N, C-alpha and C. Protein backbone atom coordinates (compact mmCIF):
# COMPACT_ATOMS: atom_id res chain seq x y z
N MET A 1 88.75 139.25 -244.26
CA MET A 1 87.90 138.80 -244.98
C MET A 1 86.65 139.97 -245.19
N THR A 2 85.69 140.12 -245.87
CA THR A 2 84.96 141.31 -245.89
C THR A 2 84.04 142.03 -245.27
N GLY A 3 83.80 142.51 -244.47
CA GLY A 3 82.67 143.04 -243.33
C GLY A 3 82.47 142.07 -241.61
N ILE A 4 84.15 142.19 -241.61
CA ILE A 4 84.32 140.88 -240.96
C ILE A 4 85.63 142.06 -239.89
N LEU A 5 85.35 142.74 -239.15
CA LEU A 5 86.13 143.75 -238.44
C LEU A 5 86.93 142.30 -236.85
N THR A 6 87.64 142.08 -237.06
CA THR A 6 88.43 141.59 -235.34
C THR A 6 89.49 142.29 -234.88
N THR A 7 89.09 142.58 -233.52
CA THR A 7 90.40 143.11 -232.65
C THR A 7 90.89 141.57 -232.50
N ILE A 8 92.08 141.89 -231.05
CA ILE A 8 93.09 141.37 -230.16
C ILE A 8 93.09 141.94 -229.08
N ASP A 9 92.40 141.58 -227.88
CA ASP A 9 92.38 142.14 -226.46
C ASP A 9 93.98 142.03 -226.27
N LYS A 10 95.27 143.12 -226.54
CA LYS A 10 96.03 143.01 -226.08
C LYS A 10 95.74 143.38 -224.08
N GLU A 11 95.16 144.23 -223.89
CA GLU A 11 95.56 144.76 -222.21
C GLU A 11 95.42 143.44 -221.70
N HIS A 12 94.02 142.33 -222.28
CA HIS A 12 94.24 141.75 -221.13
C HIS A 12 94.78 140.17 -221.17
N GLN A 13 95.53 139.81 -222.43
CA GLN A 13 96.19 138.82 -222.79
C GLN A 13 97.02 138.00 -221.87
N MET A 14 96.76 139.08 -220.84
CA MET A 14 98.17 137.87 -219.35
C MET A 14 96.47 137.46 -219.11
N GLN A 15 95.67 137.85 -219.12
CA GLN A 15 94.58 136.65 -218.02
C GLN A 15 94.47 136.27 -218.91
N ILE A 16 92.93 136.28 -220.28
CA ILE A 16 92.71 135.83 -221.22
C ILE A 16 92.74 136.20 -222.53
N PRO A 17 93.30 135.52 -223.00
CA PRO A 17 93.60 136.21 -224.45
C PRO A 17 92.07 135.94 -225.39
N LEU A 18 91.43 136.77 -226.11
CA LEU A 18 90.37 136.97 -226.60
C LEU A 18 90.94 138.41 -227.69
N GLU A 19 89.85 137.50 -228.82
CA GLU A 19 89.16 137.41 -230.43
C GLU A 19 88.19 137.68 -230.24
N LEU A 20 87.90 139.24 -230.70
CA LEU A 20 86.43 139.49 -230.99
C LEU A 20 86.51 140.05 -232.27
N SER A 21 85.74 139.83 -232.93
CA SER A 21 85.35 140.14 -233.95
C SER A 21 83.90 140.57 -234.21
N PHE A 22 83.19 141.27 -235.50
CA PHE A 22 81.92 141.54 -235.64
C PHE A 22 81.97 141.87 -237.37
N GLN A 23 80.79 140.88 -237.64
CA GLN A 23 80.14 140.76 -238.58
C GLN A 23 79.20 142.15 -239.36
N HIS A 24 79.18 142.84 -240.06
CA HIS A 24 78.23 143.71 -240.87
C HIS A 24 77.81 144.92 -240.18
N LEU A 25 78.18 145.20 -239.44
CA LEU A 25 78.14 146.44 -238.24
C LEU A 25 79.57 146.76 -237.39
N GLU A 26 79.36 147.75 -236.84
CA GLU A 26 80.65 148.96 -236.56
C GLU A 26 80.06 148.60 -235.16
N PRO A 27 80.83 147.81 -233.75
CA PRO A 27 80.01 147.69 -232.79
C PRO A 27 80.80 149.00 -232.28
N GLU A 28 80.40 150.42 -231.15
CA GLU A 28 80.97 150.67 -230.57
C GLU A 28 81.69 149.95 -229.41
N ASP A 29 82.59 150.66 -228.72
CA ASP A 29 83.59 151.01 -228.07
C ASP A 29 82.80 150.48 -226.34
N GLU A 30 81.48 150.90 -226.03
CA GLU A 30 80.39 150.13 -225.03
C GLU A 30 80.87 148.81 -224.94
N ILE A 31 80.65 148.08 -226.28
CA ILE A 31 80.04 146.91 -226.98
C ILE A 31 81.28 145.95 -226.49
N LYS A 32 81.98 146.79 -227.12
CA LYS A 32 83.87 146.10 -226.70
C LYS A 32 84.00 145.90 -225.76
N ASP A 33 83.87 146.89 -224.53
CA ASP A 33 84.23 146.94 -223.36
C ASP A 33 83.89 145.60 -222.58
N TYR A 34 81.94 145.52 -222.87
CA TYR A 34 81.49 144.82 -221.77
C TYR A 34 82.12 143.57 -221.81
N VAL A 35 82.19 143.46 -223.51
CA VAL A 35 82.37 141.86 -223.82
C VAL A 35 83.80 141.43 -223.16
N ARG A 36 84.71 142.76 -223.42
CA ARG A 36 85.37 142.40 -221.99
C ARG A 36 85.49 141.66 -220.78
N GLU A 37 84.68 143.00 -220.28
CA GLU A 37 84.60 142.96 -219.26
C GLU A 37 83.51 141.35 -218.84
N ARG A 38 82.73 140.74 -219.48
CA ARG A 38 82.05 139.77 -219.11
C ARG A 38 83.14 138.31 -219.43
N VAL A 39 84.24 138.36 -220.10
CA VAL A 39 85.41 137.06 -220.45
C VAL A 39 86.19 137.56 -219.02
N ASP A 40 86.58 138.38 -218.77
CA ASP A 40 87.48 139.04 -217.71
C ASP A 40 86.05 137.40 -216.21
N TYR A 41 85.28 138.10 -215.69
CA TYR A 41 84.21 137.17 -215.44
C TYR A 41 84.44 135.95 -215.37
N LEU A 42 84.48 135.55 -217.33
CA LEU A 42 84.68 133.73 -217.04
C LEU A 42 85.85 133.37 -216.35
N GLY A 43 86.65 134.34 -216.42
CA GLY A 43 88.54 133.98 -215.79
C GLY A 43 88.33 133.84 -214.36
N GLN A 44 86.94 134.75 -214.00
CA GLN A 44 87.02 134.41 -211.61
C GLN A 44 86.19 133.09 -211.87
N LEU A 45 85.24 133.01 -212.93
CA LEU A 45 84.59 131.89 -212.61
C LEU A 45 85.64 130.31 -212.84
N TYR A 46 86.09 130.14 -213.34
CA TYR A 46 87.97 129.35 -213.55
C TYR A 46 88.93 129.95 -214.19
N ASP A 47 90.13 129.74 -213.34
CA ASP A 47 91.60 130.05 -214.53
C ASP A 47 91.91 129.54 -214.97
N GLY A 48 91.37 128.58 -215.61
CA GLY A 48 91.83 127.64 -217.00
C GLY A 48 91.91 127.49 -217.82
N ILE A 49 90.95 128.30 -218.51
CA ILE A 49 91.38 129.04 -219.67
C ILE A 49 91.93 129.40 -220.54
N THR A 50 92.41 128.98 -221.41
CA THR A 50 93.23 129.31 -222.25
C THR A 50 93.19 130.36 -223.29
N SER A 51 91.67 130.80 -223.88
CA SER A 51 91.64 131.70 -224.68
C SER A 51 90.46 131.74 -225.20
N CYS A 52 89.68 132.92 -225.66
CA CYS A 52 87.97 132.77 -225.48
C CYS A 52 88.36 132.85 -227.04
N ARG A 53 87.03 133.47 -228.03
CA ARG A 53 86.55 133.39 -228.93
C ARG A 53 85.41 134.47 -229.28
N VAL A 54 85.18 135.04 -229.64
CA VAL A 54 83.65 136.00 -229.44
C VAL A 54 83.33 136.52 -230.62
N HIS A 55 82.28 135.73 -231.62
CA HIS A 55 81.78 136.67 -232.56
C HIS A 55 81.05 136.65 -232.90
N VAL A 56 80.37 138.05 -233.17
CA VAL A 56 79.07 138.71 -233.52
C VAL A 56 78.57 139.38 -234.79
N ALA A 57 77.82 138.77 -234.97
CA ALA A 57 77.12 138.67 -236.99
C ALA A 57 75.42 139.69 -236.67
N LEU A 58 75.70 140.27 -237.63
CA LEU A 58 74.31 140.92 -237.78
C LEU A 58 73.85 140.45 -239.73
N PRO A 59 72.96 139.10 -239.47
CA PRO A 59 72.79 138.50 -240.57
C PRO A 59 72.32 139.55 -241.72
N GLN A 60 72.28 139.29 -243.07
CA GLN A 60 71.76 140.35 -244.37
C GLN A 60 70.19 140.26 -244.13
N HIS A 61 69.83 139.54 -244.11
CA HIS A 61 68.29 139.39 -244.05
C HIS A 61 67.97 139.78 -242.78
N SER A 62 68.35 139.95 -241.84
CA SER A 62 68.20 140.76 -240.53
C SER A 62 68.13 142.65 -241.19
N LYS A 63 68.50 142.63 -241.70
CA LYS A 63 68.50 144.69 -241.91
C LYS A 63 67.04 143.99 -242.68
N GLN A 64 65.93 143.37 -243.12
CA GLN A 64 64.76 143.94 -243.73
C GLN A 64 63.69 143.68 -242.11
N THR A 65 63.80 142.60 -241.72
CA THR A 65 63.40 141.82 -241.13
C THR A 65 63.33 143.08 -239.55
N GLY A 66 64.90 143.78 -238.94
CA GLY A 66 64.96 144.00 -237.72
C GLY A 66 65.99 143.48 -237.09
N HIS A 67 67.06 144.73 -236.81
CA HIS A 67 68.25 144.36 -236.35
C HIS A 67 68.17 143.53 -235.73
N THR A 68 68.70 141.84 -235.73
CA THR A 68 68.71 140.69 -234.17
C THR A 68 69.85 140.15 -234.80
N TYR A 69 71.30 139.60 -233.76
CA TYR A 69 72.55 139.74 -233.63
C TYR A 69 72.59 138.13 -233.80
N ASP A 70 73.19 137.45 -234.30
CA ASP A 70 73.88 136.04 -233.39
C ASP A 70 75.39 135.73 -233.16
N ILE A 71 75.42 135.37 -232.04
CA ILE A 71 76.82 135.44 -230.67
C ILE A 71 77.41 133.64 -230.80
N THR A 72 78.36 133.05 -231.55
CA THR A 72 79.47 132.82 -230.97
C THR A 72 80.57 132.74 -230.26
N ILE A 73 79.75 132.35 -229.11
CA ILE A 73 81.81 132.86 -228.15
C ILE A 73 81.79 131.11 -227.93
N GLU A 74 83.51 130.73 -227.99
CA GLU A 74 84.59 129.59 -227.39
C GLU A 74 85.02 130.02 -226.89
N VAL A 75 85.29 129.06 -225.96
CA VAL A 75 86.43 128.91 -224.24
C VAL A 75 86.96 127.74 -223.96
N ARG A 76 88.50 127.62 -224.89
CA ARG A 76 89.02 126.63 -224.44
C ARG A 76 89.65 126.41 -223.61
N VAL A 77 89.85 125.77 -223.12
CA VAL A 77 89.88 124.94 -221.36
C VAL A 77 90.83 123.95 -221.32
N PRO A 78 91.29 123.10 -221.21
CA PRO A 78 91.69 121.62 -221.07
C PRO A 78 91.18 120.79 -221.24
N GLY A 79 91.68 120.18 -222.37
CA GLY A 79 90.87 119.54 -222.73
C GLY A 79 89.91 119.32 -223.89
N THR A 80 88.94 120.23 -224.08
CA THR A 80 88.28 120.45 -224.80
C THR A 80 87.88 122.20 -224.94
N GLU A 81 87.01 122.18 -225.60
CA GLU A 81 85.92 123.31 -225.91
C GLU A 81 84.58 123.90 -225.57
N LEU A 82 84.43 124.85 -224.79
CA LEU A 82 83.22 124.75 -225.20
C LEU A 82 82.63 125.99 -225.87
N VAL A 83 81.33 125.46 -227.01
CA VAL A 83 80.85 126.56 -227.62
C VAL A 83 79.28 126.90 -227.33
N VAL A 84 78.97 128.33 -227.22
CA VAL A 84 77.65 128.53 -227.56
C VAL A 84 77.51 129.23 -229.20
N SER A 85 76.76 128.88 -229.51
CA SER A 85 76.11 129.24 -230.82
C SER A 85 74.49 130.09 -230.94
N ASP A 86 74.45 131.56 -230.58
CA ASP A 86 73.33 131.65 -229.92
C ASP A 86 72.21 132.46 -230.65
N ARG A 87 71.13 131.86 -231.62
CA ARG A 87 70.77 131.74 -232.76
C ARG A 87 69.74 131.73 -232.72
N LYS A 88 68.75 132.83 -231.97
CA LYS A 88 67.33 133.17 -231.44
C LYS A 88 66.49 133.79 -232.71
N GLY A 89 66.95 134.13 -233.16
CA GLY A 89 66.30 134.09 -235.31
C GLY A 89 65.04 135.36 -234.62
N ASN A 90 64.35 136.32 -234.61
CA ASN A 90 64.27 137.62 -234.97
C ASN A 90 62.64 138.19 -233.61
N ARG A 91 62.79 137.74 -232.70
CA ARG A 91 63.26 137.62 -230.41
C ARG A 91 62.87 139.14 -230.66
N PRO A 92 61.94 140.54 -229.95
CA PRO A 92 61.77 141.46 -230.06
C PRO A 92 63.63 141.34 -229.49
N GLU A 93 63.64 140.91 -228.43
CA GLU A 93 65.31 141.45 -227.04
C GLU A 93 65.96 141.31 -227.97
N ARG A 94 66.28 140.22 -228.78
CA ARG A 94 67.65 140.32 -230.44
C ARG A 94 67.95 141.33 -230.63
N GLN A 95 67.30 142.78 -230.31
CA GLN A 95 67.39 143.97 -231.95
C GLN A 95 68.37 144.46 -230.49
N HIS A 96 68.47 144.41 -229.11
CA HIS A 96 69.65 145.14 -228.61
C HIS A 96 70.55 144.16 -228.55
N LEU A 97 72.10 144.42 -229.15
CA LEU A 97 72.91 143.49 -228.46
C LEU A 97 73.45 143.23 -227.18
N ARG A 98 73.76 144.28 -226.52
CA ARG A 98 73.79 144.10 -225.01
C ARG A 98 73.56 143.02 -224.18
N ILE A 99 71.81 143.23 -224.47
CA ILE A 99 70.82 141.60 -224.46
C ILE A 99 71.39 140.41 -224.62
N ALA A 100 71.68 140.34 -226.31
CA ALA A 100 71.45 139.71 -226.79
C ALA A 100 73.18 138.52 -225.79
N LEU A 101 74.47 140.04 -225.78
CA LEU A 101 75.47 139.33 -225.44
C LEU A 101 75.24 138.90 -224.19
N ARG A 102 74.25 139.26 -223.35
CA ARG A 102 74.22 138.86 -221.78
C ARG A 102 73.26 137.58 -221.88
N ASP A 103 72.56 137.19 -222.72
CA ASP A 103 72.01 135.91 -222.56
C ASP A 103 73.12 135.40 -223.22
N ALA A 104 73.86 135.69 -224.19
CA ALA A 104 74.84 134.81 -224.86
C ALA A 104 75.53 133.60 -223.50
N PHE A 105 76.73 135.00 -223.29
CA PHE A 105 77.53 135.43 -221.80
C PHE A 105 76.60 133.96 -220.94
N ALA A 106 75.48 134.29 -220.47
CA ALA A 106 74.74 133.11 -219.06
C ALA A 106 75.03 132.29 -219.67
N ILE A 107 74.49 131.47 -220.73
CA ILE A 107 74.93 130.52 -221.00
C ILE A 107 76.49 129.44 -220.98
N ILE A 108 77.23 130.54 -221.58
CA ILE A 108 78.70 130.46 -221.65
C ILE A 108 78.70 130.21 -220.24
N GLU A 109 78.36 130.54 -219.69
CA GLU A 109 78.85 130.54 -217.71
C GLU A 109 78.35 129.64 -217.17
N ARG A 110 77.03 129.17 -217.53
CA ARG A 110 76.54 127.90 -216.90
C ARG A 110 77.37 127.05 -217.30
N ASP A 111 77.45 126.52 -218.64
CA ASP A 111 78.26 125.97 -218.89
C ASP A 111 79.76 125.30 -218.72
N LEU A 112 80.43 126.70 -218.42
CA LEU A 112 81.42 126.77 -217.41
C LEU A 112 81.36 126.23 -215.95
N LYS A 113 80.35 126.57 -215.16
CA LYS A 113 80.23 125.98 -214.17
C LYS A 113 79.82 124.61 -214.06
N ILE A 114 79.72 123.87 -215.00
CA ILE A 114 79.55 122.38 -215.35
C ILE A 114 80.84 122.10 -215.14
N TYR A 115 82.15 123.08 -216.22
CA TYR A 115 82.65 121.96 -216.19
C TYR A 115 83.39 122.50 -215.13
N ARG A 116 83.76 123.07 -214.67
CA ARG A 116 84.96 123.45 -213.23
C ARG A 116 84.13 122.02 -212.11
N GLN A 117 82.86 122.13 -212.03
CA GLN A 117 82.27 121.15 -211.41
C GLN A 117 82.75 119.90 -211.77
N LYS A 118 82.50 119.66 -212.43
CA LYS A 118 83.69 118.08 -213.03
C LYS A 118 84.63 118.00 -212.92
N MET A 119 86.05 119.29 -212.98
CA MET A 119 87.33 118.88 -213.10
C MET A 119 87.19 118.83 -211.62
N ARG A 120 86.33 119.45 -210.34
CA ARG A 120 86.33 119.41 -209.28
C ARG A 120 86.04 117.76 -208.68
N GLY A 121 85.26 117.04 -209.45
CA GLY A 121 84.90 115.77 -208.82
C GLY A 121 83.42 116.60 -208.18
N GLU A 122 82.38 117.84 -208.15
CA GLU A 122 81.51 117.90 -207.49
C GLU A 122 79.84 117.53 -208.26
N VAL A 123 80.45 116.99 -208.91
CA VAL A 123 78.67 116.19 -209.79
C VAL A 123 79.47 114.69 -210.08
N LYS A 124 77.92 114.37 -209.88
CA LYS A 124 77.66 112.58 -210.46
C LYS A 124 79.03 112.56 -212.16
N THR A 125 78.75 111.38 -212.42
CA THR A 125 78.97 111.24 -213.63
C THR A 125 78.01 111.72 -214.61
N LEU A 126 78.62 111.71 -215.72
CA LEU A 126 76.31 111.79 -216.90
C LEU A 126 76.01 110.16 -216.48
N ASP A 127 76.57 109.48 -216.16
CA ASP A 127 75.28 107.79 -216.13
C ASP A 127 74.75 108.15 -215.05
N GLY A 128 75.31 108.87 -213.84
CA GLY A 128 74.54 109.29 -212.94
C GLY A 128 73.58 110.40 -212.75
N MET A 129 73.26 111.15 -213.84
CA MET A 129 72.37 111.72 -213.59
C MET A 129 70.84 111.56 -213.69
N LEU A 130 69.97 112.41 -213.06
CA LEU A 130 68.78 112.29 -214.39
C LEU A 130 68.31 112.76 -215.76
N GLN A 131 67.74 111.07 -215.95
CA GLN A 131 66.90 111.32 -216.90
C GLN A 131 65.75 110.80 -217.41
N GLY A 132 65.12 111.27 -218.24
CA GLY A 132 63.77 111.47 -218.74
C GLY A 132 63.14 111.68 -220.52
N THR A 133 62.30 111.71 -221.21
CA THR A 133 62.05 112.02 -221.82
C THR A 133 61.00 113.06 -222.37
N ILE A 134 61.03 113.59 -223.27
CA ILE A 134 60.80 114.97 -223.26
C ILE A 134 59.12 114.51 -223.62
N ALA A 135 57.91 115.26 -222.93
CA ALA A 135 56.38 115.48 -222.40
C ALA A 135 56.14 116.28 -223.41
N GLU A 136 56.09 117.24 -223.83
CA GLU A 136 56.23 118.34 -223.86
C GLU A 136 57.12 119.62 -224.33
N ILE A 137 57.11 120.02 -226.25
CA ILE A 137 58.13 121.11 -225.95
C ILE A 137 57.36 122.15 -227.12
N ARG A 138 57.54 123.17 -226.22
CA ARG A 138 56.81 124.40 -227.19
C ARG A 138 58.10 125.84 -227.51
N HIS A 139 58.33 125.24 -228.57
CA HIS A 139 59.31 126.11 -229.69
C HIS A 139 59.02 127.56 -229.36
N ASP A 140 57.77 128.06 -229.83
CA ASP A 140 57.58 129.30 -229.82
C ASP A 140 57.24 130.14 -228.50
N ARG A 141 57.59 129.38 -227.45
CA ARG A 141 57.64 130.21 -226.54
C ARG A 141 58.92 129.80 -225.05
N ASP A 142 59.63 129.37 -226.33
CA ASP A 142 60.86 129.08 -225.15
C ASP A 142 61.01 127.68 -224.54
N PHE A 143 60.27 126.81 -224.08
CA PHE A 143 60.02 126.15 -222.76
C PHE A 143 60.06 124.66 -223.32
N GLY A 144 59.54 123.46 -222.52
CA GLY A 144 59.06 122.88 -222.47
C GLY A 144 59.24 121.95 -221.47
N GLN A 145 58.43 120.55 -221.13
CA GLN A 145 58.52 119.42 -220.28
C GLN A 145 58.79 118.62 -220.43
N ILE A 146 59.83 117.85 -219.22
CA ILE A 146 60.55 116.51 -219.12
C ILE A 146 59.78 115.42 -218.47
N GLN A 147 59.41 114.51 -217.89
CA GLN A 147 58.73 113.10 -217.58
C GLN A 147 60.00 112.42 -217.15
N ALA A 148 60.32 112.49 -216.27
CA ALA A 148 61.04 112.00 -215.72
C ALA A 148 61.58 111.20 -215.24
N THR A 149 62.80 110.03 -214.95
CA THR A 149 62.39 108.69 -214.48
C THR A 149 62.07 108.25 -213.24
N ASP A 150 62.42 109.40 -212.84
CA ASP A 150 61.79 109.81 -211.13
C ASP A 150 60.51 110.07 -210.83
N ARG A 151 59.54 109.69 -211.82
CA ARG A 151 57.64 109.94 -212.39
C ARG A 151 57.30 111.41 -212.37
N ARG A 152 58.60 112.35 -211.57
CA ARG A 152 58.54 113.87 -211.70
C ARG A 152 57.92 114.76 -213.05
N LEU A 153 57.46 115.45 -213.69
CA LEU A 153 57.90 116.49 -214.37
C LEU A 153 58.53 117.40 -214.27
N ILE A 154 59.13 117.54 -215.17
CA ILE A 154 59.95 118.77 -214.60
C ILE A 154 59.73 119.45 -215.68
N TYR A 155 60.08 121.13 -215.81
CA TYR A 155 59.91 122.48 -216.62
C TYR A 155 61.12 122.55 -217.00
N PHE A 156 61.65 122.99 -218.40
CA PHE A 156 63.28 123.89 -218.82
C PHE A 156 62.70 124.74 -219.31
N HIS A 157 63.64 125.55 -219.76
CA HIS A 157 63.40 127.13 -220.51
C HIS A 157 64.89 126.33 -221.71
N ARG A 158 64.64 127.10 -222.65
CA ARG A 158 65.62 126.95 -223.39
C ARG A 158 67.07 127.10 -223.34
N ASN A 159 66.72 127.94 -222.73
CA ASN A 159 68.57 128.35 -221.95
C ASN A 159 69.12 127.22 -221.46
N SER A 160 68.28 126.30 -220.83
CA SER A 160 68.97 125.18 -219.90
C SER A 160 69.39 123.98 -221.09
N VAL A 161 69.08 124.40 -222.09
CA VAL A 161 69.49 123.10 -223.19
C VAL A 161 70.93 123.17 -223.66
N ILE A 162 71.73 122.64 -223.26
CA ILE A 162 73.19 122.48 -223.51
C ILE A 162 73.16 122.20 -225.20
N ASP A 163 74.66 123.26 -225.81
CA ASP A 163 74.99 122.59 -226.97
C ASP A 163 73.48 123.81 -228.35
N GLY A 164 73.19 124.71 -227.23
CA GLY A 164 71.89 125.34 -229.01
C GLY A 164 71.35 124.46 -229.90
N SER A 165 71.01 123.25 -228.67
CA SER A 165 69.74 122.10 -229.40
C SER A 165 68.37 122.20 -229.16
N PHE A 166 67.76 123.45 -228.18
CA PHE A 166 66.50 123.80 -228.13
C PHE A 166 65.95 123.30 -229.28
N ASP A 167 65.71 124.03 -230.49
CA ASP A 167 65.80 124.01 -231.97
C ASP A 167 65.06 122.54 -232.30
N LYS A 168 65.61 121.74 -232.31
CA LYS A 168 65.67 120.61 -232.37
C LYS A 168 65.34 119.30 -231.89
N LEU A 169 64.83 119.74 -231.03
CA LEU A 169 64.25 119.04 -229.34
C LEU A 169 62.84 118.36 -229.81
N LYS A 170 62.10 117.02 -230.14
CA LYS A 170 60.89 117.07 -230.64
C LYS A 170 60.38 116.01 -229.11
N VAL A 171 59.38 116.04 -229.04
CA VAL A 171 58.56 115.19 -228.29
C VAL A 171 58.83 113.22 -228.26
N GLY A 172 59.60 112.84 -227.38
CA GLY A 172 59.90 110.67 -226.94
C GLY A 172 61.16 111.81 -226.97
N ASP A 173 61.91 112.52 -227.55
CA ASP A 173 63.38 112.40 -227.24
C ASP A 173 63.96 112.38 -225.60
N THR A 174 64.91 111.41 -225.69
CA THR A 174 65.47 111.19 -224.90
C THR A 174 66.65 112.24 -224.36
N VAL A 175 66.55 112.44 -222.52
CA VAL A 175 67.56 113.74 -222.48
C VAL A 175 67.93 113.38 -220.94
N GLU A 176 68.73 114.03 -220.44
CA GLU A 176 69.20 113.83 -219.17
C GLU A 176 69.43 115.13 -218.84
N LEU A 177 69.51 115.29 -216.83
CA LEU A 177 69.34 117.00 -216.77
C LEU A 177 70.02 116.90 -215.06
N VAL A 178 69.24 117.89 -214.87
CA VAL A 178 69.95 118.37 -213.72
C VAL A 178 69.01 118.88 -213.20
N ALA A 179 68.37 118.35 -212.17
CA ALA A 179 66.78 118.91 -211.99
C ALA A 179 67.27 120.50 -210.59
N ARG A 180 66.89 120.98 -210.63
CA ARG A 180 66.64 122.80 -209.48
C ARG A 180 66.14 121.99 -207.83
N HIS A 181 66.77 122.40 -207.03
CA HIS A 181 65.55 121.82 -205.79
C HIS A 181 65.30 123.01 -205.17
N ASP A 182 65.49 124.58 -205.88
CA ASP A 182 64.42 125.41 -204.75
C ASP A 182 63.45 125.88 -205.37
N ASP A 183 62.63 126.15 -204.27
CA ASP A 183 61.38 126.20 -204.46
C ASP A 183 60.85 127.60 -206.18
N SER A 184 59.99 126.39 -206.77
CA SER A 184 59.70 127.55 -207.45
C SER A 184 58.18 127.53 -208.03
N GLU A 185 57.58 128.49 -208.31
CA GLU A 185 56.20 128.41 -208.65
C GLU A 185 55.28 127.23 -209.07
N ILE A 186 56.16 127.70 -210.64
CA ILE A 186 56.37 126.69 -211.31
C ILE A 186 56.73 124.81 -211.49
N GLY A 187 56.98 124.61 -209.74
CA GLY A 187 57.06 123.48 -209.80
C GLY A 187 59.10 123.39 -210.02
N PRO A 188 58.42 121.77 -210.30
CA PRO A 188 60.14 121.50 -210.91
C PRO A 188 61.37 122.25 -211.98
N GLN A 189 62.08 122.61 -211.68
CA GLN A 189 62.83 122.60 -212.60
C GLN A 189 64.40 122.43 -213.33
N ALA A 190 64.75 122.37 -214.45
CA ALA A 190 66.06 121.72 -214.49
C ALA A 190 66.62 122.71 -215.36
N SER A 191 67.69 123.24 -214.79
CA SER A 191 68.77 123.77 -214.62
C SER A 191 70.14 123.37 -215.87
N THR A 192 69.84 122.44 -216.40
CA THR A 192 70.91 122.06 -217.83
C THR A 192 69.85 120.34 -218.40
N VAL A 193 69.90 120.94 -219.57
CA VAL A 193 69.60 119.88 -220.21
C VAL A 193 70.27 119.29 -221.41
N ARG A 194 69.83 117.51 -221.90
CA ARG A 194 71.65 117.25 -222.90
C ARG A 194 70.90 115.61 -223.12
N GLN A 195 70.79 116.89 -224.51
CA GLN A 195 70.50 115.05 -225.54
C GLN A 195 70.90 114.18 -225.59
N ILE A 196 70.53 112.63 -224.83
CA ILE A 196 71.16 112.00 -225.34
C ILE A 196 70.76 110.26 -225.90
N SER A 197 71.33 109.01 -226.11
CA SER A 197 70.96 108.05 -227.64
C SER A 197 70.05 107.71 -226.26
N PRO A 198 69.15 107.25 -226.83
CA PRO A 198 68.22 106.27 -226.27
C PRO A 198 68.17 105.21 -225.74
N LEU A 199 69.86 104.54 -225.79
CA LEU A 199 69.91 103.62 -225.02
C LEU A 199 70.72 103.69 -224.00
N LYS A 200 69.93 105.33 -223.35
CA LYS A 200 71.27 105.24 -222.09
C LYS A 200 69.85 105.59 -221.11
N TYR A 201 68.72 105.43 -221.41
CA TYR A 201 67.26 105.04 -221.00
C TYR A 201 66.65 104.30 -220.46
N GLN A 202 66.54 104.63 -218.72
CA GLN A 202 66.54 102.89 -218.62
C GLN A 202 65.08 103.52 -217.37
N PRO A 203 64.10 103.51 -217.63
CA PRO A 203 62.86 103.65 -216.91
C PRO A 203 62.46 103.17 -215.33
């Protein structure tokens, strides 16, 4: 396809087969090496990964408004595929490809840890997770608050929302979440947030 550069990481193929592609940009070797390092780290987190695909695109419109990057990471594991499609628009930090990649890999690492814990039986089933409704959502500032069923008001960040659906959330939506237990100046925080059907919500 015109404008897309794809490479297969043969050196690391004994670990995790990696398909790395770029659209509308010519990456430096340093960026390719950084992606391979992050994929290798995914393999350290969970040794059941069968393959990984990373696609980096520079949208045409961003050439006029400032270079921002769209990044998709697909990690295939037994029985499913973990996907992060990280598109945050024209935020200043998105003009640095390494930072954009760092943020996207941070999300897939979190999702992979959750998957690993479920496979090992270290977390409760979805029905046993804490639930609540969106009490506040600030799309322009990348955070929101959840009124949980245990009556706590819990803060969450854009990066905590699974499947990259933060921009679709609105006040009143029902979610399930995992709350962190460490101390924070802003109070309780959610490490994972997932939108669910209102039928699952039981006040």
